[in-house]
C-alpha cells in the first residue's frame, strides 16, 4: 500500500510540473491554477482530466499563433547563440565539443612552444 501513495505523489508532481511548464494561452478548458487545484484535490481523476482534457494538443498549438511565438523564439535563439537554428541539439553539442577540443589543442601547442624555448 505505501507504494500506491508514492506512485500517486509522483503522478501529482509530474502533472503539476507539466501544468506549470505549459503555456497558459494554449491550455484547454479552465485556467492553469484551476487545473493545478483539480489535480491535487481529485485523486487520480484530476491528473487524468488534465492529460485528457486540459493539456494542449499539438495541432491546436499550431492554430492559435504559436508558430509566430516559435518564430520569435528562434530569432531570439539565433541572436543570442550565434549558431544556426536549424541544427538540432546533438549537432550543436558536437560542434561545441569540437571547438573546445580545438581550443585545448591550441593551448597545449602554445604551452609546448613556450616550454621548449
PDB file of N, CA and C in Angstrom:
ATOM      1  N   UNK A   1       0.786  -1.207   0.000  1.00  0.00           N
ATOM      2  CA  UNK A   1       0.000   0.000   0.000  1.00  0.00           C
ATOM      3  C   UNK A   1       0.831   1.276   0.000  1.00  0.00           C
ATOM      4  N   UNK A   2       1.974   1.324   0.682  1.00  0.00           N
ATOM      5  CA  UNK A   2       2.732   2.577   0.640  1.00  0.00           C
ATOM      6  C   UNK A   2       3.228   2.896  -0.771  1.00  0.00           C
ATOM      7  N   UNK A   3       3.350   1.852  -1.612  1.00  0.00           N
ATOM      8  CA  UNK A   3       3.791   2.091  -2.976  1.00  0.00           C
ATOM      9  C   UNK A   3       2.748   2.877  -3.765  1.00  0.00           C
ATOM     10  N   UNK A   4       1.489   2.630  -3.488  1.00  0.00           N
ATOM     11  CA  UNK A   4       0.438   3.376  -4.174  1.00  0.00           C
ATOM     12  C   UNK A   4       0.506   4.857  -3.832  1.00  0.00           C
ATOM     13  N   UNK A   5       0.811   5.172  -2.596  1.00  0.00           N
ATOM     14  CA  UNK A   5       0.939   6.575  -2.183  1.00  0.00           C
ATOM     15  C   UNK A   5       2.112   7.228  -2.903  1.00  0.00           C
ATOM     16  N   UNK A   6       3.221   6.506  -3.019  1.00  0.00           N
ATOM     17  CA  UNK A   6       4.394   7.046  -3.720  1.00  0.00           C
ATOM     18  C   UNK A   6       4.073   7.260  -5.193  1.00  0.00           C
ATOM     19  N   UNK A   7       3.399   6.300  -5.801  1.00  0.00           N
ATOM     20  CA  UNK A   7       3.026   6.431  -7.213  1.00  0.00           C
ATOM     21  C   UNK A   7       2.081   7.617  -7.401  1.00  0.00           C
ATOM     22  N   UNK A   8       1.123   7.772  -6.492  1.00  0.00           N
ATOM     23  CA  UNK A   8       0.191   8.892  -6.594  1.00  0.00           C
ATOM     24  C   UNK A   8       0.922  10.227  -6.472  1.00  0.00           C
ATOM     25  N   UNK A   9       1.836  10.326  -5.524  1.00  0.00           N
ATOM     26  CA  UNK A   9       2.599  11.566  -5.355  1.00  0.00           C
ATOM     27  C   UNK A   9       3.421  11.853  -6.610  1.00  0.00           C
ATOM     28  N   UNK A  10       4.032  10.831  -7.185  1.00  0.00           N
ATOM     29  CA  UNK A  10       4.806  11.025  -8.413  1.00  0.00           C
ATOM     30  C   UNK A  10       3.924  11.517  -9.556  1.00  0.00           C
ATOM     31  N   UNK A  11       2.734  10.936  -9.678  1.00  0.00           N
ATOM     32  CA  UNK A  11       1.813  11.375 -10.725  1.00  0.00           C
ATOM     33  C   UNK A  11       1.437  12.839 -10.512  1.00  0.00           C
ATOM     34  N   UNK A  12       1.139  13.212  -9.283  1.00  0.00           N
ATOM     35  CA  UNK A  12       0.776  14.603  -8.971  1.00  0.00           C
ATOM     36  C   UNK A  12       1.931  15.541  -9.322  1.00  0.00           C
ATOM     37  N   UNK A  13       3.141  15.176  -8.939  1.00  0.00           N
ATOM     38  CA  UNK A  13       4.304  16.029  -9.210  1.00  0.00           C
ATOM     39  C   UNK A  13       4.508  16.194 -10.712  1.00  0.00           C
ATOM     40  N   UNK A  14       4.432  15.091 -11.456  1.00  0.00           N
ATOM     41  CA  UNK A  14       4.634  15.159 -12.906  1.00  0.00           C
ATOM     42  C   UNK A  14       3.563  16.031 -13.549  1.00  0.00           C
ATOM     43  N   UNK A  15       2.319  15.850 -13.144  1.00  0.00           N
ATOM     44  CA  UNK A  15       1.237  16.644 -13.720  1.00  0.00           C
ATOM     45  C   UNK A  15       1.384  18.121 -13.342  1.00  0.00           C
ATOM     46  N   UNK A  16       1.731  18.415 -12.103  1.00  0.00           N
ATOM     47  CA  UNK A  16       1.909  19.813 -11.695  1.00  0.00           C
ATOM     48  C   UNK A  16       3.050  20.478 -12.462  1.00  0.00           C
ATOM     49  N   UNK A  17       4.140  19.758 -12.649  1.00  0.00           N
ATOM     50  CA  UNK A  17       5.256  20.314 -13.432  1.00  0.00           C
ATOM     51  C   UNK A  17       4.795  20.565 -14.871  1.00  0.00           C
ATOM     52  N   UNK A  18       4.040  19.635 -15.426  1.00  0.00           N
ATOM     53  CA  UNK A  18       3.532  19.805 -16.785  1.00  0.00           C
ATOM     54  C   UNK A  18       2.602  21.011 -16.874  1.00  0.00           C
ATOM     55  N   UNK A  19       1.770  21.201 -15.868  1.00  0.00           N
ATOM     56  CA  UNK A  19       0.862  22.354 -15.853  1.00  0.00           C
ATOM     57  C   UNK A  19       1.653  23.652 -15.785  1.00  0.00           C
ATOM     58  N   UNK A  20       2.654  23.703 -14.930  1.00  0.00           N
ATOM     59  CA  UNK A  20       3.446  24.922 -14.765  1.00  0.00           C
ATOM     60  C   UNK A  20       4.214  25.251 -16.047  1.00  0.00           C
ATOM     61  N   UNK A  21       4.757  24.239 -16.698  1.00  0.00           N
ATOM     62  CA  UNK A  21       5.584  24.456 -17.882  1.00  0.00           C
ATOM     63  C   UNK A  21       4.747  24.805 -19.114  1.00  0.00           C
ATOM     64  N   UNK A  22       3.519  24.360 -19.166  1.00  0.00           N
ATOM     65  CA  UNK A  22       2.656  24.586 -20.323  1.00  0.00           C
ATOM     66  C   UNK A  22       2.314  26.065 -20.462  1.00  0.00           C
ATOM     67  N   UNK A  23       2.297  26.534 -21.701  1.00  0.00           N
ATOM     68  CA  UNK A  23       1.936  27.919 -21.996  1.00  0.00           C
ATOM     69  C   UNK A  23       0.471  28.140 -21.649  1.00  0.00           C
ATOM     70  N   UNK A  24       0.187  29.168 -20.875  1.00  0.00           N
ATOM     71  CA  UNK A  24      -1.171  29.433 -20.409  1.00  0.00           C
ATOM     72  C   UNK A  24      -2.156  29.737 -21.518  1.00  0.00           C
ATOM     73  N   UNK A  25      -1.656  30.232 -22.662  1.00  0.00           N
ATOM     74  CA  UNK A  25      -2.544  30.565 -23.771  1.00  0.00           C
ATOM     75  C   UNK A  25      -3.079  29.327 -24.476  1.00  0.00           C
ATOM     76  N   UNK A  26      -2.397  28.198 -24.328  1.00  0.00           N
ATOM     77  CA  UNK A  26      -2.790  27.002 -25.063  1.00  0.00           C
ATOM     78  C   UNK A  26      -3.550  25.988 -24.211  1.00  0.00           C
ATOM     79  N   UNK A  27      -3.720  26.271 -22.916  1.00  0.00           N
ATOM     80  CA  UNK A  27      -4.428  25.343 -22.031  1.00  0.00           C
ATOM     81  C   UNK A  27      -5.902  25.321 -22.403  1.00  0.00           C
ATOM     82  N   UNK A  28      -6.469  24.128 -22.459  1.00  0.00           N
ATOM     83  CA  UNK A  28      -7.887  23.983 -22.808  1.00  0.00           C
ATOM     84  C   UNK A  28      -8.728  23.952 -21.531  1.00  0.00           C
ATOM     85  N   UNK A  29      -9.965  24.383 -21.644  1.00  0.00           N
ATOM     86  CA  UNK A  29     -10.884  24.309 -20.509  1.00  0.00           C
ATOM     87  C   UNK A  29     -10.726  25.483 -19.578  1.00  0.00           C
ATOM     88  N   UNK A  30     -10.252  25.213 -18.382  1.00  0.00           N
ATOM     89  CA  UNK A  30     -10.126  26.230 -17.339  1.00  0.00           C
ATOM     90  C   UNK A  30      -8.673  26.700 -17.234  1.00  0.00           C
ATOM     91  N   UNK A  31      -8.415  27.808 -16.530  1.00  0.00           N
ATOM     92  CA  UNK A  31      -7.047  28.324 -16.389  1.00  0.00           C
ATOM     93  C   UNK A  31      -6.122  27.349 -15.641  1.00  0.00           C
ATOM     94  N   UNK A  32      -4.831  27.581 -15.795  1.00  0.00           N
ATOM     95  CA  UNK A  32      -3.825  26.711 -15.193  1.00  0.00           C
ATOM     96  C   UNK A  32      -3.965  26.553 -13.679  1.00  0.00           C
ATOM     97  N   UNK A  33      -4.203  27.620 -12.895  1.00  0.00           N
ATOM     98  CA  UNK A  33      -4.336  27.426 -11.444  1.00  0.00           C
ATOM     99  C   UNK A  33      -5.483  26.485 -11.066  1.00  0.00           C
ATOM    100  N   UNK A  34      -6.570  26.550 -11.825  1.00  0.00           N
ATOM    101  CA  UNK A  34      -7.699  25.654 -11.550  1.00  0.00           C
ATOM    102  C   UNK A  34      -7.305  24.209 -11.850  1.00  0.00           C
ATOM    103  N   UNK A  35      -6.572  23.993 -12.950  1.00  0.00           N
ATOM    104  CA  UNK A  35      -6.103  22.636 -13.264  1.00  0.00           C
ATOM    105  C   UNK A  35      -5.180  22.122 -12.163  1.00  0.00           C
ATOM    106  N   UNK A  36      -4.327  22.993 -11.630  1.00  0.00           N
ATOM    107  CA  UNK A  36      -3.430  22.569 -10.550  1.00  0.00           C
ATOM    108  C   UNK A  36      -4.233  22.151  -9.313  1.00  0.00           C
ATOM    109  N   UNK A  37      -5.243  22.951  -8.950  1.00  0.00           N
ATOM    110  CA  UNK A  37      -6.071  22.602  -7.798  1.00  0.00           C
ATOM    111  C   UNK A  37      -6.854  21.307  -8.030  1.00  0.00           C
ATOM    112  N   UNK A  38      -7.411  21.153  -9.222  1.00  0.00           N
ATOM    113  CA  UNK A  38      -8.138  19.926  -9.538  1.00  0.00           C
ATOM    114  C   UNK A  38      -7.218  18.707  -9.479  1.00  0.00           C
ATOM    115  N   UNK A  39      -6.010  18.869  -9.971  1.00  0.00           N
ATOM    116  CA  UNK A  39      -5.066  17.748  -9.979  1.00  0.00           C
ATOM    117  C   UNK A  39      -4.702  17.299  -8.572  1.00  0.00           C
ATOM    118  N   UNK A  40      -4.614  18.260  -7.661  1.00  0.00           N
ATOM    119  CA  UNK A  40      -4.265  17.904  -6.286  1.00  0.00           C
ATOM    120  C   UNK A  40      -5.482  17.444  -5.485  1.00  0.00           C
ATOM    121  N   UNK A  41      -6.638  18.016  -5.772  1.00  0.00           N
ATOM    122  CA  UNK A  41      -7.824  17.741  -4.955  1.00  0.00           C
ATOM    123  C   UNK A  41      -8.537  16.450  -5.327  1.00  0.00           C
ATOM    124  N   UNK A  42      -8.553  16.112  -6.595  1.00  0.00           N
ATOM    125  CA  UNK A  42      -9.273  14.922  -7.036  1.00  0.00           C
ATOM    126  C   UNK A  42      -8.284  13.786  -7.291  1.00  0.00           C
ATOM    127  N   UNK A  43      -8.256  12.812  -6.408  1.00  0.00           N
ATOM    128  CA  UNK A  43      -7.285  11.730  -6.560  1.00  0.00           C
ATOM    129  C   UNK A  43      -7.474  10.982  -7.878  1.00  0.00           C
ATOM    130  N   UNK A  44      -6.436  10.949  -8.643  1.00  0.00           N
ATOM    131  CA  UNK A  44      -6.339  10.242  -9.913  1.00  0.00           C
ATOM    132  C   UNK A  44      -7.251  10.793 -11.004  1.00  0.00           C
ATOM    133  N   UNK A  45      -8.433  11.326 -10.652  1.00  0.00           N
ATOM    134  CA  UNK A  45      -9.332  11.887 -11.660  1.00  0.00           C
ATOM    135  C   UNK A  45      -8.785  13.224 -12.164  1.00  0.00           C
ATOM    136  N   UNK A  46      -8.229  14.026 -11.259  1.00  0.00           N
ATOM    137  CA  UNK A  46      -7.683  15.326 -11.638  1.00  0.00           C
ATOM    138  C   UNK A  46      -6.541  15.216 -12.640  1.00  0.00           C
ATOM    139  N   UNK A  47      -5.511  14.416 -12.335  1.00  0.00           N
ATOM    140  CA  UNK A  47      -4.419  14.266 -13.298  1.00  0.00           C
ATOM    141  C   UNK A  47      -4.868  13.668 -14.630  1.00  0.00           C
ATOM    142  N   UNK A  48      -5.775  12.709 -14.587  1.00  0.00           N
ATOM    143  CA  UNK A  48      -6.269  12.117 -15.832  1.00  0.00           C
ATOM    144  C   UNK A  48      -7.053  13.154 -16.628  1.00  0.00           C
ATOM    145  N   UNK A  49      -7.847  13.981 -15.936  1.00  0.00           N
ATOM    146  CA  UNK A  49      -8.600  15.041 -16.616  1.00  0.00           C
ATOM    147  C   UNK A  49      -7.648  16.035 -17.271  1.00  0.00           C
ATOM    148  N   UNK A  50      -6.556  16.390 -16.572  1.00  0.00           N
ATOM    149  CA  UNK A  50      -5.579  17.313 -17.163  1.00  0.00           C
ATOM    150  C   UNK A  50      -4.983  16.714 -18.434  1.00  0.00           C
ATOM    151  N   UNK A  51      -4.568  15.465 -18.350  1.00  0.00           N
ATOM    152  CA  UNK A  51      -3.934  14.833 -19.505  1.00  0.00           C
ATOM    153  C   UNK A  51      -4.907  14.662 -20.663  1.00  0.00           C
ATOM    154  N   UNK A  52      -6.171  14.388 -20.368  1.00  0.00           N
ATOM    155  CA  UNK A  52      -7.143  14.139 -21.421  1.00  0.00           C
ATOM    156  C   UNK A  52      -7.829  15.411 -21.926  1.00  0.00           C
ATOM    157  N   UNK A  53      -8.111  16.350 -21.032  1.00  0.00           N
ATOM    158  CA  UNK A  53      -8.937  17.493 -21.402  1.00  0.00           C
ATOM    159  C   UNK A  53      -8.245  18.850 -21.363  1.00  0.00           C
ATOM    160  N   UNK A  54      -7.267  19.029 -20.496  1.00  0.00           N
ATOM    161  CA  UNK A  54      -6.686  20.351 -20.316  1.00  0.00           C
ATOM    162  C   UNK A  54      -5.405  20.600 -21.071  1.00  0.00           C
ATOM    163  N   UNK A  55      -4.636  19.561 -21.259  1.00  0.00           N
ATOM    164  CA  UNK A  55      -3.335  19.692 -21.908  1.00  0.00           C
ATOM    165  C   UNK A  55      -3.515  20.056 -23.379  1.00  0.00           C
ATOM    166  N   UNK A  56      -2.746  21.028 -23.881  1.00  0.00           N
ATOM    167  CA  UNK A  56      -2.896  21.413 -25.285  1.00  0.00           C
ATOM    168  C   UNK A  56      -2.461  20.282 -26.215  1.00  0.00           C
ATOM    169  N   UNK A  57      -3.138  20.203 -27.354  1.00  0.00           N
ATOM    170  CA  UNK A  57      -2.760  19.217 -28.354  1.00  0.00           C
ATOM    171  C   UNK A  57      -1.788  19.854 -29.326  1.00  0.00           C
ATOM    172  N   UNK A  58      -1.010  19.035 -30.005  1.00  0.00           N
ATOM    173  CA  UNK A  58      -0.002  19.548 -30.945  1.00  0.00           C
ATOM    174  C   UNK A  58      -0.637  20.395 -32.044  1.00  0.00           C
ATOM    175  N   UNK A  59      -1.699  19.912 -32.669  1.00  0.00           N
ATOM    176  CA  UNK A  59      -2.297  20.656 -33.774  1.00  0.00           C
ATOM    177  C   UNK A  59      -2.961  21.946 -33.306  1.00  0.00           C
ATOM    178  N   UNK A  60      -3.462  22.007 -32.073  1.00  0.00           N
ATOM    179  CA  UNK A  60      -4.049  23.240 -31.551  1.00  0.00           C
ATOM    180  C   UNK A  60      -2.988  24.308 -31.350  1.00  0.00           C
ATOM    181  N   UNK A  61      -1.796  23.920 -30.941  1.00  0.00           N
ATOM    182  CA  UNK A  61      -0.750  24.910 -30.701  1.00  0.00           C
ATOM    183  C   UNK A  61      -0.326  25.566 -32.004  1.00  0.00           C
ATOM    184  N   UNK A  62      -0.516  24.884 -33.125  1.00  0.00           N
ATOM    185  CA  UNK A  62      -0.179  25.477 -34.413  1.00  0.00           C
ATOM    186  C   UNK A  62      -1.268  26.442 -34.883  1.00  0.00           C
ATOM    187  N   UNK A  63      -2.516  26.234 -34.450  1.00  0.00           N
ATOM    188  CA  UNK A  63      -3.635  27.056 -34.915  1.00  0.00           C
ATOM    189  C   UNK A  63      -3.702  28.416 -34.249  1.00  0.00           C
ATOM    190  N   UNK A  64      -3.294  28.525 -33.000  1.00  0.00           N
ATOM    191  CA  UNK A  64      -3.573  29.744 -32.242  1.00  0.00           C
ATOM    192  C   UNK A  64      -2.443  30.764 -32.250  1.00  0.00           C
ATOM    193  N   UNK A  65      -1.548  30.697 -33.208  1.00  0.00           N
ATOM    194  CA  UNK A  65      -0.495  31.690 -33.291  1.00  0.00           C
ATOM    195  C   UNK A  65       0.787  31.277 -32.625  1.00  0.00           C
ATOM    196  N   UNK A  66       0.897  30.040 -32.211  1.00  0.00           N
ATOM    197  CA  UNK A  66       2.132  29.595 -31.586  1.00  0.00           C
ATOM    198  C   UNK A  66       3.274  29.546 -32.581  1.00  0.00           C
ATOM    199  N   UNK A  67       2.953  29.438 -33.864  1.00  0.00           N
ATOM    200  CA  UNK A  67       4.008  29.452 -34.877  1.00  0.00           C
ATOM    201  C   UNK A  67       4.728  30.782 -34.837  1.00  0.00           C
ATOM    202  N   UNK A  68       3.981  31.873 -34.662  1.00  0.00           N
ATOM    203  CA  UNK A  68       4.609  33.182 -34.555  1.00  0.00           C
ATOM    204  C   UNK A  68       5.488  33.252 -33.314  1.00  0.00           C
ATOM    205  N   UNK A  69       4.980  32.707 -32.200  1.00  0.00           N
ATOM    206  CA  UNK A  69       5.752  32.684 -30.964  1.00  0.00           C
ATOM    207  C   UNK A  69       7.026  31.870 -31.149  1.00  0.00           C
ATOM    208  N   UNK A  70       6.918  30.706 -31.826  1.00  0.00           N
ATOM    209  CA  UNK A  70       8.084  29.870 -32.078  1.00  0.00           C
ATOM    210  C   UNK A  70       9.082  30.582 -32.981  1.00  0.00           C
ATOM    211  N   UNK A  71       8.588  31.311 -33.970  1.00  0.00           N
ATOM    212  CA  UNK A  71       9.480  32.038 -34.868  1.00  0.00           C
ATOM    213  C   UNK A  71      10.231  33.120 -34.106  1.00  0.00           C
ATOM    214  N   UNK A  72       9.534  33.813 -33.199  1.00  0.00           N
ATOM    215  CA  UNK A  72      10.200  34.824 -32.387  1.00  0.00           C
ATOM    216  C   UNK A  72      11.241  34.189 -31.485  1.00  0.00           C
ATOM    217  N   UNK A  73      10.912  33.024 -30.921  1.00  0.00           N
ATOM    218  CA  UNK A  73      11.859  32.331 -30.052  1.00  0.00           C
ATOM    219  C   UNK A  73      13.090  31.890 -30.849  1.00  0.00           C
ATOM    220  N   UNK A  74      12.888  31.418 -32.081  1.00  0.00           N
ATOM    221  CA  UNK A  74      14.015  31.016 -32.917  1.00  0.00           C
ATOM    222  C   UNK A  74      14.893  32.204 -33.263  1.00  0.00           C
ATOM    223  N   UNK A  75      14.273  33.361 -33.547  1.00  0.00           N
ATOM    224  CA  UNK A  75      15.047  34.563 -33.818  1.00  0.00           C
ATOM    225  C   UNK A  75      15.886  34.952 -32.613  1.00  0.00           C
ATOM    226  N   UNK A  76      15.270  34.883 -31.425  1.00  0.00           N
ATOM    227  CA  UNK A  76      15.981  35.227 -30.205  1.00  0.00           C
ATOM    228  C   UNK A  76      17.140  34.248 -29.974  1.00  0.00           C
ATOM    229  N   UNK A  77      16.905  32.972 -30.240  1.00  0.00           N
ATOM    230  CA  UNK A  77      17.956  31.967 -30.077  1.00  0.00           C
ATOM    231  C   UNK A  77      19.094  32.238 -31.039  1.00  0.00           C
ATOM    232  N   UNK A  78      18.770  32.554 -32.283  1.00  0.00           N
ATOM    233  CA  UNK A  78      19.806  32.808 -33.266  1.00  0.00           C
ATOM    234  C   UNK A  78      20.619  34.032 -32.879  1.00  0.00           C
ATOM    235  N   UNK A  79      19.939  35.068 -32.366  1.00  0.00           N
ATOM    236  CA  UNK A  79      20.631  36.294 -31.998  1.00  0.00           C
ATOM    237  C   UNK A  79      21.526  36.093 -30.792  1.00  0.00           C
ATOM    238  N   UNK A  80      21.106  35.279 -29.834  1.00  0.00           N
ATOM    239  CA  UNK A  80      21.899  35.116 -28.619  1.00  0.00           C
ATOM    240  C   UNK A  80      22.972  34.052 -28.741  1.00  0.00           C
ATOM    241  N   UNK A  81      22.693  32.984 -29.464  1.00  0.00           N
ATOM    242  CA  UNK A  81      23.661  31.890 -29.510  1.00  0.00           C
ATOM    243  C   UNK A  81      24.656  32.045 -30.638  1.00  0.00           C
ATOM    244  N   UNK A  82      24.281  32.754 -31.697  1.00  0.00           N
ATOM    245  CA  UNK A  82      25.180  32.906 -32.815  1.00  0.00           C
ATOM    246  C   UNK A  82      25.310  31.636 -33.638  1.00  0.00           C
ATOM    247  N   UNK A  83      24.483  30.657 -33.385  1.00  0.00           N
ATOM    248  CA  UNK A  83      24.548  29.414 -34.137  1.00  0.00           C
ATOM    249  C   UNK A  83      23.365  29.325 -35.079  1.00  0.00           C
ATOM    250  N   UNK A  84      23.418  28.362 -35.965  1.00  0.00           N
ATOM    251  CA  UNK A  84      22.353  28.165 -36.926  1.00  0.00           C
ATOM    252  C   UNK A  84      21.180  27.489 -36.222  1.00  0.00           C
ATOM    253  N   UNK A  85      19.974  28.068 -36.251  1.00  0.00           N
ATOM    254  CA  UNK A  85      18.860  27.486 -35.507  1.00  0.00           C
ATOM    255  C   UNK A  85      18.363  26.164 -36.094  1.00  0.00           C
ATOM    256  N   UNK A  86      18.716  25.851 -37.346  1.00  0.00           N
ATOM    257  CA  UNK A  86      18.263  24.617 -37.955  1.00  0.00           C
ATOM    258  C   UNK A  86      18.966  23.394 -37.370  1.00  0.00           C
ATOM    259  N   UNK A  87      20.093  23.604 -36.671  1.00  0.00           N
ATOM    260  CA  UNK A  87      20.818  22.485 -36.086  1.00  0.00           C
ATOM    261  C   UNK A  87      20.080  21.960 -34.865  1.00  0.00           C
ATOM    262  N   UNK A  88      20.047  20.652 -34.733  1.00  0.00           N
ATOM    263  CA  UNK A  88      19.440  20.084 -33.541  1.00  0.00           C
ATOM    264  C   UNK A  88      20.436  20.144 -32.384  1.00  0.00           C
ATOM    265  N   UNK A  89      19.990  19.789 -31.215  1.00  0.00           N
ATOM    266  CA  UNK A  89      20.816  19.905 -30.010  1.00  0.00           C
ATOM    267  C   UNK A  89      22.061  19.029 -30.096  1.00  0.00           C
ATOM    268  N   UNK A  90      21.937  17.830 -30.666  1.00  0.00           N
ATOM    269  CA  UNK A  90      23.102  16.941 -30.776  1.00  0.00           C
ATOM    270  C   UNK A  90      24.166  17.549 -31.669  1.00  0.00           C
ATOM    271  N   UNK A  91      23.760  18.117 -32.781  1.00  0.00           N
ATOM    272  CA  UNK A  91      24.715  18.714 -33.704  1.00  0.00           C
ATOM    273  C   UNK A  91      25.396  19.910 -33.062  1.00  0.00           C
ATOM    274  N   UNK A  92      24.631  20.731 -32.361  1.00  0.00           N
ATOM    275  CA  UNK A  92      25.215  21.878 -31.681  1.00  0.00           C
ATOM    276  C   UNK A  92      26.190  21.429 -30.604  1.00  0.00           C
ATOM    277  N   UNK A  93      25.844  20.376 -29.867  1.00  0.00           N
ATOM    278  CA  UNK A  93      26.741  19.868 -28.828  1.00  0.00           C
ATOM    279  C   UNK A  93      28.019  19.322 -29.441  1.00  0.00           C
ATOM    280  N   UNK A  94      27.907  18.620 -30.557  1.00  0.00           N
ATOM    281  CA  UNK A  94      29.094  18.080 -31.225  1.00  0.00           C
ATOM    282  C   UNK A  94      29.977  19.204 -31.743  1.00  0.00           C
ATOM    283  N   UNK A  95      29.375  20.242 -32.306  1.00  0.00           N
ATOM    284  CA  UNK A  95      30.134  21.389 -32.792  1.00  0.00           C
ATOM    285  C   UNK A  95      30.842  22.090 -31.643  1.00  0.00           C
ATOM    286  N   UNK A  96      30.143  22.273 -30.538  1.00  0.00           N
ATOM    287  CA  UNK A  96      30.749  22.900 -29.372  1.00  0.00           C
ATOM    288  C   UNK A  96      31.918  22.072 -28.849  1.00  0.00           C
ATOM    289  N   UNK A  97      31.727  20.746 -28.768  1.00  0.00           N
ATOM    290  CA  UNK A  97      32.794  19.871 -28.288  1.00  0.00           C
ATOM    291  C   UNK A  97      34.018  19.938 -29.206  1.00  0.00           C
ATOM    292  N   UNK A  98      33.791  20.013 -30.512  1.00  0.00           N
ATOM    293  CA  UNK A  98      34.906  20.121 -31.458  1.00  0.00           C
ATOM    294  C   UNK A  98      35.647  21.443 -31.261  1.00  0.00           C
ATOM    295  N   UNK A  99      34.909  22.516 -31.026  1.00  0.00           N
ATOM    296  CA  UNK A  99      35.552  23.814 -30.789  1.00  0.00           C
ATOM    297  C   UNK A  99      36.361  23.799 -29.500  1.00  0.00           C
ATOM    298  N   UNK A 100      35.836  23.143 -28.468  1.00  0.00           N
ATOM    299  CA  UNK A 100      36.553  23.051 -27.193  1.00  0.00           C
ATOM    300  C   UNK A 100      37.849  22.250 -27.387  1.00  0.00           C
ATOM    301  N   UNK A 101      37.758  21.109 -28.097  1.00  0.00           N
ATOM    302  CA  UNK A 101      38.954  20.295 -28.344  1.00  0.00           C
ATOM    303  C   UNK A 101      39.996  21.070 -29.140  1.00  0.00           C
ATOM    304  N   UNK A 102      39.542  21.812 -30.153  1.00  0.00           N
ATOM    305  CA  UNK A 102      40.461  22.597 -30.975  1.00  0.00           C
ATOM    306  C   UNK A 102      41.160  23.666 -30.132  1.00  0.00           C
ATOM    307  N   UNK A 103      40.395  24.340 -29.286  1.00  0.00           N
ATOM    308  CA  UNK A 103      40.982  25.376 -28.418  1.00  0.00           C
ATOM    309  C   UNK A 103      41.970  24.764 -27.424  1.00  0.00           C
ATOM    310  N   UNK A 104      41.624  23.608 -26.856  1.00  0.00           N
ATOM    311  CA  UNK A 104      42.528  22.941 -25.918  1.00  0.00           C
ATOM    312  C   UNK A 104      43.820  22.534 -26.607  1.00  0.00           C
ATOM    313  N   UNK A 105      43.722  22.011 -27.826  1.00  0.00           N
ATOM    314  CA  UNK A 105      44.922  21.619 -28.567  1.00  0.00           C
ATOM    315  C   UNK A 105      45.788  22.828 -28.885  1.00  0.00           C
ATOM    316  N   UNK A 106      45.156  23.935 -29.217  1.00  0.00           N
ATOM    317  CA  UNK A 106      45.892  25.164 -29.480  1.00  0.00           C
ATOM    318  C   UNK A 106      46.630  25.633 -28.218  1.00  0.00           C
ATOM    319  N   UNK A 107      45.985  25.556 -27.076  1.00  0.00           N
ATOM    320  CA  UNK A 107      46.628  25.963 -25.824  1.00  0.00           C
ATOM    321  C   UNK A 107      47.785  25.029 -25.476  1.00  0.00           C
ATOM    322  N   UNK A 108      47.618  23.723 -25.724  1.00  0.00           N
ATOM    323  CA  UNK A 108      48.723  22.787 -25.473  1.00  0.00           C
ATOM    324  C   UNK A 108      49.908  23.085 -26.382  1.00  0.00           C
ATOM    325  N   UNK A 109      49.634  23.390 -27.651  1.00  0.00           N
ATOM    326  CA  UNK A 109      50.706  23.697 -28.598  1.00  0.00           C
ATOM    327  C   UNK A 109      51.466  24.943 -28.160  1.00  0.00           C
ATOM    328  N   UNK A 110      50.744  25.974 -27.716  1.00  0.00           N
ATOM    329  CA  UNK A 110      51.388  27.196 -27.235  1.00  0.00           C
ATOM    330  C   UNK A 110      52.227  26.903 -26.000  1.00  0.00           C
ATOM    331  N   UNK A 111      51.701  26.102 -25.084  1.00  0.00           N
ATOM    332  CA  UNK A 111      52.446  25.752 -23.867  1.00  0.00           C
ATOM    333  C   UNK A 111      53.714  24.969 -24.208  1.00  0.00           C
ATOM    334  N   UNK A 112      53.642  24.037 -25.179  1.00  0.00           N
ATOM    335  CA  UNK A 112      54.841  23.276 -25.584  1.00  0.00           C
ATOM    336  C   UNK A 112      55.880  24.200 -26.188  1.00  0.00           C
ATOM    337  N   UNK A 113      55.442  25.144 -27.023  1.00  0.00           N
ATOM    338  CA  UNK A 113      56.371  26.070 -27.648  1.00  0.00           C
ATOM    339  C   UNK A 113      57.068  26.944 -26.610  1.00  0.00           C
ATOM    340  N   UNK A 114      56.324  27.394 -25.605  1.00  0.00           N
ATOM    341  CA  UNK A 114      56.932  28.217 -24.557  1.00  0.00           C
ATOM    342  C   UNK A 114      57.876  27.400 -23.695  1.00  0.00           C
ATOM    343  N   UNK A 115      57.541  26.138 -23.451  1.00  0.00           N
ATOM    344  CA  UNK A 115      58.389  25.270 -22.637  1.00  0.00           C
ATOM    345  C   UNK A 115      59.692  24.939 -23.376  1.00  0.00           C
ATOM    346  N   UNK A 116      59.647  24.755 -24.685  1.00  0.00           N
ATOM    347  CA  UNK A 116      60.803  24.382 -25.469  1.00  0.00           C
ATOM    348  C   UNK A 116      61.763  25.545 -25.698  1.00  0.00           C
ATOM    349  N   UNK A 117      61.359  26.747 -25.458  1.00  0.00           N
ATOM    350  CA  UNK A 117      62.236  27.901 -25.673  1.00  0.00           C
ATOM    351  C   UNK A 117      63.340  27.953 -24.702  1.00  0.00           C
TER     352      UNK A 117
END
